[in-house]
PDB file of N, CA and C in Angstrom:
ATOM      1  N   UNK A   1     -11.666  -6.425 -10.608  1.00  0.00           N
ATOM      2  CA  UNK A   1     -11.731  -7.487  -9.629  1.00  0.00           C
ATOM      3  C   UNK A   1     -11.769  -6.876  -8.232  1.00  0.00           C
ATOM      4  N   UNK A   2     -12.306  -7.576  -7.302  1.00  0.00           N
ATOM      5  CA  UNK A   2     -12.449  -7.057  -5.939  1.00  0.00           C
ATOM      6  C   UNK A   2     -11.083  -6.893  -5.292  1.00  0.00           C
ATOM      7  N   UNK A   3     -10.998  -5.920  -4.412  1.00  0.00           N
ATOM      8  CA  UNK A   3      -9.777  -5.622  -3.699  1.00  0.00           C
ATOM      9  C   UNK A   3      -9.773  -6.418  -2.405  1.00  0.00           C
ATOM     10  N   UNK A   4      -9.132  -7.584  -2.405  1.00  0.00           N
ATOM     11  CA  UNK A   4      -9.111  -8.448  -1.228  1.00  0.00           C
ATOM     12  C   UNK A   4      -7.780  -8.261  -0.531  1.00  0.00           C
ATOM     13  N   UNK A   5      -7.851  -7.929   0.746  1.00  0.00           N
ATOM     14  CA  UNK A   5      -6.644  -7.694   1.526  1.00  0.00           C
ATOM     15  C   UNK A   5      -6.525  -8.776   2.593  1.00  0.00           C
ATOM     16  N   UNK A   6      -5.387  -9.447   2.650  1.00  0.00           N
ATOM     17  CA  UNK A   6      -5.228 -10.467   3.689  1.00  0.00           C
ATOM     18  C   UNK A   6      -5.163  -9.823   5.060  1.00  0.00           C
ATOM     19  N   UNK A   7      -5.602 -10.570   6.036  1.00  0.00           N
ATOM     20  CA  UNK A   7      -5.549 -10.081   7.407  1.00  0.00           C
ATOM     21  C   UNK A   7      -4.103 -10.085   7.861  1.00  0.00           C
ATOM     22  N   UNK A   8      -3.680  -8.964   8.385  1.00  0.00           N
ATOM     23  CA  UNK A   8      -2.313  -8.855   8.861  1.00  0.00           C
ATOM     24  C   UNK A   8      -2.281  -9.020  10.372  1.00  0.00           C
ATOM     25  N   UNK A   9      -1.251  -9.681  10.841  1.00  0.00           N
ATOM     26  CA  UNK A   9      -1.066  -9.847  12.283  1.00  0.00           C
ATOM     27  C   UNK A   9       0.150  -9.014  12.658  1.00  0.00           C
ATOM     28  N   UNK A  10      -0.051  -8.104  13.579  1.00  0.00           N
ATOM     29  CA  UNK A  10       1.077  -7.299  14.014  1.00  0.00           C
ATOM     30  C   UNK A  10       1.446  -7.653  15.449  1.00  0.00           C
ATOM     31  N   UNK A  11       2.548  -7.091  15.913  1.00  0.00           N
ATOM     32  CA  UNK A  11       3.043  -7.410  17.253  1.00  0.00           C
ATOM     33  C   UNK A  11       2.041  -7.060  18.342  1.00  0.00           C
ATOM     34  N   UNK A  12       1.280  -5.984  18.143  1.00  0.00           N
ATOM     35  CA  UNK A  12       0.292  -5.578  19.146  1.00  0.00           C
ATOM     36  C   UNK A  12      -0.767  -6.659  19.320  1.00  0.00           C
ATOM     37  N   UNK A  13      -1.234  -7.259  18.186  1.00  0.00           N
ATOM     38  CA  UNK A  13      -2.219  -8.332  18.268  1.00  0.00           C
ATOM     39  C   UNK A  13      -1.656  -9.525  19.032  1.00  0.00           C
ATOM     40  N   UNK A  14      -0.407  -9.863  18.744  1.00  0.00           N
ATOM     41  CA  UNK A  14       0.211 -10.999  19.423  1.00  0.00           C
ATOM     42  C   UNK A  14       0.318 -10.713  20.914  1.00  0.00           C
ATOM     43  N   UNK A  15       0.715  -9.490  21.268  1.00  0.00           N
ATOM     44  CA  UNK A  15       0.842  -9.142  22.677  1.00  0.00           C
ATOM     45  C   UNK A  15      -0.510  -9.164  23.372  1.00  0.00           C
ATOM     46  N   UNK A  16      -1.572  -8.794  22.677  1.00  0.00           N
ATOM     47  CA  UNK A  16      -2.899  -8.809  23.282  1.00  0.00           C
ATOM     48  C   UNK A  16      -3.334 -10.219  23.651  1.00  0.00           C
ATOM     49  N   UNK A  17      -2.856 -11.225  22.911  1.00  0.00           N
ATOM     50  CA  UNK A  17      -3.263 -12.596  23.165  1.00  0.00           C
ATOM     51  C   UNK A  17      -2.228 -13.381  23.969  1.00  0.00           C
ATOM     52  N   UNK A  18      -1.117 -12.766  24.279  1.00  0.00           N
ATOM     53  CA  UNK A  18      -0.076 -13.426  25.047  1.00  0.00           C
ATOM     54  C   UNK A  18      -0.316 -13.166  26.525  1.00  0.00           C
ATOM     55  N   UNK A  19      -0.312 -14.229  27.295  1.00  0.00           N
ATOM     56  CA  UNK A  19      -0.510 -14.093  28.735  1.00  0.00           C
ATOM     57  C   UNK A  19       0.857 -14.162  29.392  1.00  0.00           C
ATOM     58  N   UNK A  20       1.203 -13.121  30.095  1.00  0.00           N
ATOM     59  CA  UNK A  20       2.485 -13.124  30.804  1.00  0.00           C
ATOM     60  C   UNK A  20       2.238 -13.394  32.279  1.00  0.00           C
ATOM     61  N   UNK A  21       3.272 -13.832  32.946  1.00  0.00           N
ATOM     62  CA  UNK A  21       3.113 -14.186  34.363  1.00  0.00           C
ATOM     63  C   UNK A  21       2.827 -12.961  35.226  1.00  0.00           C
ATOM     64  N   UNK A  22       3.215 -11.760  34.770  1.00  0.00           N
ATOM     65  CA  UNK A  22       2.951 -10.565  35.569  1.00  0.00           C
ATOM     66  C   UNK A  22       1.480 -10.163  35.511  1.00  0.00           C
ATOM     67  N   UNK A  23       0.749 -10.639  34.506  1.00  0.00           N
ATOM     68  CA  UNK A  23      -0.664 -10.290  34.369  1.00  0.00           C
ATOM     69  C   UNK A  23      -1.597 -11.401  34.836  1.00  0.00           C
ATOM     70  N   UNK A  24      -1.021 -12.473  35.399  1.00  0.00           N
ATOM     71  CA  UNK A  24      -1.863 -13.565  35.871  1.00  0.00           C
ATOM     72  C   UNK A  24      -2.749 -13.076  37.008  1.00  0.00           C
ATOM     73  N   UNK A  25      -4.025 -13.423  36.956  1.00  0.00           N
ATOM     74  CA  UNK A  25      -4.934 -13.013  38.040  1.00  0.00           C
ATOM     75  C   UNK A  25      -4.527 -13.666  39.365  1.00  0.00           C
ATOM     76  N   UNK A  26      -4.627 -12.895  40.419  1.00  0.00           N
ATOM     77  CA  UNK A  26      -4.214 -13.371  41.746  1.00  0.00           C
ATOM     78  C   UNK A  26      -5.394 -13.860  42.591  1.00  0.00           C
ATOM     79  N   UNK A  27      -6.604 -13.372  42.275  1.00  0.00           N
ATOM     80  CA  UNK A  27      -7.767 -13.800  43.051  1.00  0.00           C
ATOM     81  C   UNK A  27      -8.992 -13.864  42.129  1.00  0.00           C
ATOM     82  N   UNK A  28     -10.108 -14.228  42.701  1.00  0.00           N
ATOM     83  CA  UNK A  28     -11.316 -14.417  41.896  1.00  0.00           C
ATOM     84  C   UNK A  28     -11.765 -13.118  41.229  1.00  0.00           C
ATOM     85  N   UNK A  29     -11.656 -11.999  41.907  1.00  0.00           N
ATOM     86  CA  UNK A  29     -12.075 -10.712  41.345  1.00  0.00           C
ATOM     87  C   UNK A  29     -11.204 -10.347  40.135  1.00  0.00           C
ATOM     88  N   UNK A  30      -9.899 -10.542  40.259  1.00  0.00           N
ATOM     89  CA  UNK A  30      -9.009 -10.250  39.136  1.00  0.00           C
ATOM     90  C   UNK A  30      -9.264 -11.205  37.974  1.00  0.00           C
ATOM     91  N   UNK A  31      -9.535 -12.473  38.302  1.00  0.00           N
ATOM     92  CA  UNK A  31      -9.843 -13.452  37.265  1.00  0.00           C
ATOM     93  C   UNK A  31     -11.112 -13.062  36.519  1.00  0.00           C
ATOM     94  N   UNK A  32     -12.128 -12.659  37.264  1.00  0.00           N
ATOM     95  CA  UNK A  32     -13.386 -12.234  36.659  1.00  0.00           C
ATOM     96  C   UNK A  32     -13.164 -11.036  35.745  1.00  0.00           C
ATOM     97  N   UNK A  33     -12.406 -10.056  36.228  1.00  0.00           N
ATOM     98  CA  UNK A  33     -12.121  -8.866  35.426  1.00  0.00           C
ATOM     99  C   UNK A  33     -11.322  -9.241  34.174  1.00  0.00           C
ATOM    100  N   UNK A  34     -10.355 -10.127  34.339  1.00  0.00           N
ATOM    101  CA  UNK A  34      -9.523 -10.576  33.213  1.00  0.00           C
ATOM    102  C   UNK A  34     -10.388 -11.235  32.138  1.00  0.00           C
ATOM    103  N   UNK A  35     -11.267 -12.142  32.558  1.00  0.00           N
ATOM    104  CA  UNK A  35     -12.137 -12.848  31.615  1.00  0.00           C
ATOM    105  C   UNK A  35     -13.106 -11.872  30.944  1.00  0.00           C
ATOM    106  N   UNK A  36     -13.674 -10.947  31.707  1.00  0.00           N
ATOM    107  CA  UNK A  36     -14.588  -9.959  31.124  1.00  0.00           C
ATOM    108  C   UNK A  36     -13.875  -9.096  30.086  1.00  0.00           C
ATOM    109  N   UNK A  37     -12.658  -8.684  30.394  1.00  0.00           N
ATOM    110  CA  UNK A  37     -11.885  -7.875  29.449  1.00  0.00           C
ATOM    111  C   UNK A  37     -11.568  -8.674  28.191  1.00  0.00           C
ATOM    112  N   UNK A  38     -11.163  -9.911  28.373  1.00  0.00           N
ATOM    113  CA  UNK A  38     -10.866 -10.783  27.235  1.00  0.00           C
ATOM    114  C   UNK A  38     -12.102 -10.987  26.359  1.00  0.00           C
ATOM    115  N   UNK A  39     -13.227 -11.257  26.980  1.00  0.00           N
ATOM    116  CA  UNK A  39     -14.470 -11.466  26.225  1.00  0.00           C
ATOM    117  C   UNK A  39     -14.910 -10.186  25.514  1.00  0.00           C
ATOM    118  N   UNK A  40     -14.744  -9.039  26.156  1.00  0.00           N
ATOM    119  CA  UNK A  40     -15.106  -7.768  25.530  1.00  0.00           C
ATOM    120  C   UNK A  40     -14.217  -7.498  24.318  1.00  0.00           C
ATOM    121  N   UNK A  41     -12.930  -7.790  24.452  1.00  0.00           N
ATOM    122  CA  UNK A  41     -11.997  -7.614  23.332  1.00  0.00           C
ATOM    123  C   UNK A  41     -12.399  -8.506  22.163  1.00  0.00           C
ATOM    124  N   UNK A  42     -12.724  -9.753  22.468  1.00  0.00           N
ATOM    125  CA  UNK A  42     -13.158 -10.675  21.417  1.00  0.00           C
ATOM    126  C   UNK A  42     -14.447 -10.191  20.766  1.00  0.00           C
ATOM    127  N   UNK A  43     -15.394  -9.730  21.572  1.00  0.00           N
ATOM    128  CA  UNK A  43     -16.660  -9.225  21.049  1.00  0.00           C
ATOM    129  C   UNK A  43     -16.419  -8.038  20.118  1.00  0.00           C
ATOM    130  N   UNK A  44     -15.537  -7.135  20.528  1.00  0.00           N
ATOM    131  CA  UNK A  44     -15.225  -5.966  19.698  1.00  0.00           C
ATOM    132  C   UNK A  44     -14.626  -6.380  18.362  1.00  0.00           C
ATOM    133  N   UNK A  45     -13.714  -7.333  18.397  1.00  0.00           N
ATOM    134  CA  UNK A  45     -13.089  -7.799  17.156  1.00  0.00           C
ATOM    135  C   UNK A  45     -14.106  -8.497  16.251  1.00  0.00           C
ATOM    136  N   UNK A  46     -14.962  -9.322  16.827  1.00  0.00           N
ATOM    137  CA  UNK A  46     -15.995  -9.989  16.029  1.00  0.00           C
ATOM    138  C   UNK A  46     -16.976  -8.972  15.445  1.00  0.00           C
ATOM    139  N   UNK A  47     -17.318  -7.950  16.217  1.00  0.00           N
ATOM    140  CA  UNK A  47     -18.225  -6.919  15.721  1.00  0.00           C
ATOM    141  C   UNK A  47     -17.607  -6.171  14.550  1.00  0.00           C
ATOM    142  N   UNK A  48     -16.318  -5.852  14.672  1.00  0.00           N
ATOM    143  CA  UNK A  48     -15.615  -5.166  13.584  1.00  0.00           C
ATOM    144  C   UNK A  48     -15.601  -6.029  12.332  1.00  0.00           C
ATOM    145  N   UNK A  49     -15.292  -7.310  12.497  1.00  0.00           N
ATOM    146  CA  UNK A  49     -15.274  -8.220  11.344  1.00  0.00           C
ATOM    147  C   UNK A  49     -16.662  -8.353  10.748  1.00  0.00           C
ATOM    148  N   UNK A  50     -17.671  -8.453  11.587  1.00  0.00           N
ATOM    149  CA  UNK A  50     -19.047  -8.566  11.112  1.00  0.00           C
ATOM    150  C   UNK A  50     -19.449  -7.333  10.309  1.00  0.00           C
ATOM    151  N   UNK A  51     -19.104  -6.161  10.821  1.00  0.00           N
ATOM    152  CA  UNK A  51     -19.408  -4.922  10.103  1.00  0.00           C
ATOM    153  C   UNK A  51     -18.717  -4.886   8.747  1.00  0.00           C
ATOM    154  N   UNK A  52     -17.460  -5.331   8.701  1.00  0.00           N
ATOM    155  CA  UNK A  52     -16.729  -5.354   7.438  1.00  0.00           C
ATOM    156  C   UNK A  52     -17.376  -6.308   6.442  1.00  0.00           C
ATOM    157  N   UNK A  53     -17.805  -7.460   6.918  1.00  0.00           N
ATOM    158  CA  UNK A  53     -18.454  -8.442   6.042  1.00  0.00           C
ATOM    159  C   UNK A  53     -19.762  -7.885   5.501  1.00  0.00           C
ATOM    160  N   UNK A  54     -20.561  -7.270   6.361  1.00  0.00           N
ATOM    161  CA  UNK A  54     -21.837  -6.695   5.923  1.00  0.00           C
ATOM    162  C   UNK A  54     -21.613  -5.595   4.900  1.00  0.00           C
ATOM    163  N   UNK A  55     -20.606  -4.749   5.136  1.00  0.00           N
ATOM    164  CA  UNK A  55     -20.298  -3.691   4.172  1.00  0.00           C
ATOM    165  C   UNK A  55     -19.889  -4.272   2.824  1.00  0.00           C
ATOM    166  N   UNK A  56     -19.103  -5.332   2.836  1.00  0.00           N
ATOM    167  CA  UNK A  56     -18.681  -5.961   1.579  1.00  0.00           C
ATOM    168  C   UNK A  56     -19.863  -6.608   0.865  1.00  0.00           C
ATOM    169  N   UNK A  57     -20.756  -7.217   1.617  1.00  0.00           N
ATOM    170  CA  UNK A  57     -21.958  -7.816   1.003  1.00  0.00           C
ATOM    171  C   UNK A  57     -22.819  -6.727   0.375  1.00  0.00           C
ATOM    172  N   UNK A  58     -23.000  -5.609   1.082  1.00  0.00           N
ATOM    173  CA  UNK A  58     -23.770  -4.490   0.530  1.00  0.00           C
ATOM    174  C   UNK A  58     -23.121  -3.953  -0.733  1.00  0.00           C
ATOM    175  N   UNK A  59     -21.803  -3.823  -0.707  1.00  0.00           N
ATOM    176  CA  UNK A  59     -21.076  -3.332  -1.885  1.00  0.00           C
ATOM    177  C   UNK A  59     -21.249  -4.293  -3.056  1.00  0.00           C
ATOM    178  N   UNK A  60     -21.162  -5.585  -2.785  1.00  0.00           N
ATOM    179  CA  UNK A  60     -21.337  -6.585  -3.840  1.00  0.00           C
ATOM    180  C   UNK A  60     -22.761  -6.526  -4.394  1.00  0.00           C
ATOM    181  N   UNK A  61     -23.748  -6.340  -3.533  1.00  0.00           N
ATOM    182  CA  UNK A  61     -25.135  -6.207  -3.989  1.00  0.00           C
ATOM    183  C   UNK A  61     -25.299  -5.004  -4.908  1.00  0.00           C
ATOM    184  N   UNK A  62     -24.671  -3.894  -4.553  1.00  0.00           N
ATOM    185  CA  UNK A  62     -24.731  -2.703  -5.401  1.00  0.00           C
ATOM    186  C   UNK A  62     -24.076  -2.951  -6.750  1.00  0.00           C
ATOM    187  N   UNK A  63     -22.962  -3.657  -6.751  1.00  0.00           N
ATOM    188  CA  UNK A  63     -22.278  -3.973  -8.013  1.00  0.00           C
ATOM    189  C   UNK A  63     -23.146  -4.876  -8.896  1.00  0.00           C
ATOM    190  N   UNK A  64     -23.798  -5.839  -8.273  1.00  0.00           N
ATOM    191  CA  UNK A  64     -24.678  -6.735  -9.036  1.00  0.00           C
ATOM    192  C   UNK A  64     -25.839  -5.953  -9.625  1.00  0.00           C
ATOM    193  N   UNK A  65     -26.426  -5.053  -8.841  1.00  0.00           N
ATOM    194  CA  UNK A  65     -27.514  -4.216  -9.352  1.00  0.00           C
ATOM    195  C   UNK A  65     -27.053  -3.389 -10.546  1.00  0.00           C
ATOM    196  N   UNK A  66     -25.835  -2.813 -10.445  1.00  0.00           N
ATOM    197  CA  UNK A  66     -25.289  -2.026 -11.557  1.00  0.00           C
ATOM    198  C   UNK A  66     -25.076  -2.901 -12.792  1.00  0.00           C
ATOM    199  N   UNK A  67     -24.561  -4.106 -12.593  1.00  0.00           N
ATOM    200  CA  UNK A  67     -24.358  -5.021 -13.722  1.00  0.00           C
ATOM    201  C   UNK A  67     -25.681  -5.372 -14.397  1.00  0.00           C
ATOM    202  N   UNK A  68     -26.703  -5.666 -13.589  1.00  0.00           N
ATOM    203  CA  UNK A  68     -28.010  -5.994 -14.153  1.00  0.00           C
ATOM    204  C   UNK A  68     -28.557  -4.830 -14.969  1.00  0.00           C
ATOM    205  N   UNK A  69     -28.398  -3.620 -14.449  1.00  0.00           N
ATOM    206  CA  UNK A  69     -28.873  -2.432 -15.164  1.00  0.00           C
ATOM    207  C   UNK A  69     -28.105  -2.258 -16.472  1.00  0.00           C
ATOM    208  N   UNK A  70     -26.782  -2.412 -16.423  1.00  0.00           N
ATOM    209  CA  UNK A  70     -25.971  -2.278 -17.631  1.00  0.00           C
ATOM    210  C   UNK A  70     -26.316  -3.332 -18.673  1.00  0.00           C
ATOM    211  N   UNK A  71     -26.554  -4.555 -18.241  1.00  0.00           N
ATOM    212  CA  UNK A  71     -26.934  -5.620 -19.171  1.00  0.00           C
ATOM    213  C   UNK A  71     -28.288  -5.303 -19.798  1.00  0.00           C
ATOM    214  N   UNK A  72     -29.235  -4.838 -18.980  1.00  0.00           N
ATOM    215  CA  UNK A  72     -30.558  -4.476 -19.509  1.00  0.00           C
ATOM    216  C   UNK A  72     -30.434  -3.336 -20.516  1.00  0.00           C
ATOM    217  N   UNK A  73     -29.590  -2.342 -20.231  1.00  0.00           N
ATOM    218  CA  UNK A  73     -29.378  -1.237 -21.167  1.00  0.00           C
ATOM    219  C   UNK A  73     -28.776  -1.727 -22.473  1.00  0.00           C
ATOM    220  N   UNK A  74     -27.782  -2.611 -22.376  1.00  0.00           N
ATOM    221  CA  UNK A  74     -27.157  -3.158 -23.579  1.00  0.00           C
ATOM    222  C   UNK A  74     -28.149  -3.965 -24.410  1.00  0.00           C
ATOM    223  N   UNK A  75     -28.978  -4.739 -23.728  1.00  0.00           N
ATOM    224  CA  UNK A  75     -29.978  -5.538 -24.444  1.00  0.00           C
ATOM    225  C   UNK A  75     -30.989  -4.629 -25.130  1.00  0.00           C
ATOM    226  N   UNK A  76     -31.370  -3.544 -24.480  1.00  0.00           N
ATOM    227  CA  UNK A  76     -32.300  -2.584 -25.083  1.00  0.00           C
ATOM    228  C   UNK A  76     -31.672  -1.936 -26.312  1.00  0.00           C
ATOM    229  N   UNK A  77     -30.407  -1.540 -26.198  1.00  0.00           N
ATOM    230  CA  UNK A  77     -29.714  -0.934 -27.316  1.00  0.00           C
ATOM    231  C   UNK A  77     -29.576  -1.920 -28.478  1.00  0.00           C
ATOM    232  N   UNK A  78     -29.405  -3.205 -28.179  1.00  0.00           N
ATOM    233  CA  UNK A  78     -29.274  -4.213 -29.219  1.00  0.00           C
ATOM    234  C   UNK A  78     -30.623  -4.635 -29.778  1.00  0.00           C
ATOM    235  N   UNK A  79     -31.708  -4.174 -29.190  1.00  0.00           N
ATOM    236  CA  UNK A  79     -33.038  -4.528 -29.665  1.00  0.00           C
ATOM    237  C   UNK A  79     -33.516  -5.901 -29.209  1.00  0.00           C
ATOM    238  N   UNK A  80     -32.924  -6.401 -28.160  1.00  0.00           N
ATOM    239  CA  UNK A  80     -33.304  -7.688 -27.603  1.00  0.00           C
ATOM    240  C   UNK A  80     -34.143  -7.458 -26.378  1.00  0.00           C
ATOM    241  N   UNK A  81     -35.271  -8.197 -26.280  1.00  0.00           N
ATOM    242  CA  UNK A  81     -36.107  -8.063 -25.087  1.00  0.00           C
ATOM    243  C   UNK A  81     -35.493  -8.848 -23.931  1.00  0.00           C
ATOM    244  N   UNK A  82     -35.516  -8.255 -22.763  1.00  0.00           N
ATOM    245  CA  UNK A  82     -34.989  -8.920 -21.575  1.00  0.00           C
ATOM    246  C   UNK A  82     -35.972  -9.921 -21.038  1.00  0.00           C
ATOM    247  N   UNK A  83     -35.499 -10.834 -20.200  1.00  0.00           N
ATOM    248  CA  UNK A  83     -36.412 -11.815 -19.604  1.00  0.00           C
ATOM    249  C   UNK A  83     -37.384 -11.154 -18.648  1.00  0.00           C
ATOM    250  N   UNK A  84     -38.608 -11.659 -18.626  1.00  0.00           N
ATOM    251  CA  UNK A  84     -39.622 -11.118 -17.701  1.00  0.00           C
ATOM    252  C   UNK A  84     -39.314 -11.626 -16.318  1.00  0.00           C
ATOM    253  N   UNK A  85     -39.507 -10.756 -15.350  1.00  0.00           N
ATOM    254  CA  UNK A  85     -39.263 -11.154 -13.955  1.00  0.00           C
ATOM    255  C   UNK A  85     -40.558 -11.416 -13.266  1.00  0.00           C
TER     256      UNK A  85
END
């Protein structure tokens, strides 16, 4: 069966999303920088998740290909013709 790991939330993640009063932007330039940093962090996390999903899909495709090959081999050994594609 596939190895599914739940997403863990650690204190660092919580701190990254917690806004404290000492980090509140004081002017438009700081606000702009704050928003850009926040958006970049979100983009990085989404990219990481996207890469993980694509890797899992590729792995699943490889497993399906292996299963199809094994089934075809078993059918050949049993003397049964496989379906035409």
